[in-house]
Structure formats: C-alpha cells, structure tokens
Amino acid sequence: MRNSRLLIIGYGNPLRQDDGLGWHAATRLSETLQGNGVQVLACHQLTPELAETISQAERVVFIDVNCTQPPGQISCRTVTPDSNPRPPALDHVMNPSALLGSALALYKASPEAVMLSVGGQAFDFGPELSRAVSEAIPRVLAMISEMAGAKLHHA
C-alpha cells in the first residue's frame, strides 16, 4: 500500500556550500509541504534503506546539485530504475536510478521519478550557498510546490 503520493528527497552535504542545495531545499519544503500525501526527506546521502520508502510512493522527486550545469541553472529529468541496482562492494551510497531499481527488485514497486538539479559552483567547506544557487532555491521550491499541487508562500 502506498503511504505517500509524493516523496521528495533532497540530499547533499550542507557543510560543503552548494553541495547542500538538496538538503536545504528539502528542509524548507518539509516546513510547508509535509503531510497530506507528501513526505519530505532531507538526507546527507542516498542509502539503500531509502528503497523501502521509495517503494511506498506514487511519485518521487530527487533534489541535488549538479557540477556539470552552469551555476544556478535548473534542470528536471526523468529517472528510471537501474536494472542492476546493487551498490558496489562495501559502499553504502547509491544514486537515484539504483534506488529505484532496488525498490522494483525488492518491493515490486516502480514509482514515477524525476531528478531536479541545480548547477553549483562553490564546494569548499562552509554552510553558505553561492549566490547563483541561493537565487535558484525559490524557483526550485515553486517547481516542487507545483508538482505537489500546492502553493508555497516565499518570504
């Protein structure tokens, strides 16, 4: 049985500047969207244990920074299950496709999934986001709010 119609997973290290984008976005979204069929998770990394939670959703949105996009540029792409979802030996970190593959293999569940990413530029130690990524966050929140069928009010 599905526990949430929409699962939002923002991930990254909030102490490595722009790498923390997904974590910061999920933290803000949890204050406004959590509940009513929406579950929001802020994680430092994607771990195999998330496959069970993913299997219980109808749709999943992953949020992360992307080092290959121009700073502040937002992209959204469909994520499909990996046909070989096993993580490398002794590795506890997975990617969205591998997690979807695990949800399918272990729980026979295949929710729709997208990756929403923002181009980053600063990855040194520190909690502050670059200006480009900081300015993209309201647009990211609005896009996800639209996906959730809700309206967010940004201060």
Foldseek 3Di string as FASTA:
>chain_A
DAPAQEEEEFEADLQFAQQQLRLVLLVVCCVPPDDPRYHTYYYHAAFLVCLVNVQRYQEYEYEGADAVDPALDKDKDWAAADCDLDDPPPDGGGDPNSSQVSNCVPVVGHHTYMYIYGYADTGHGGNHYDPSSVVNSVVVNQVVCVVSVHDDDDD
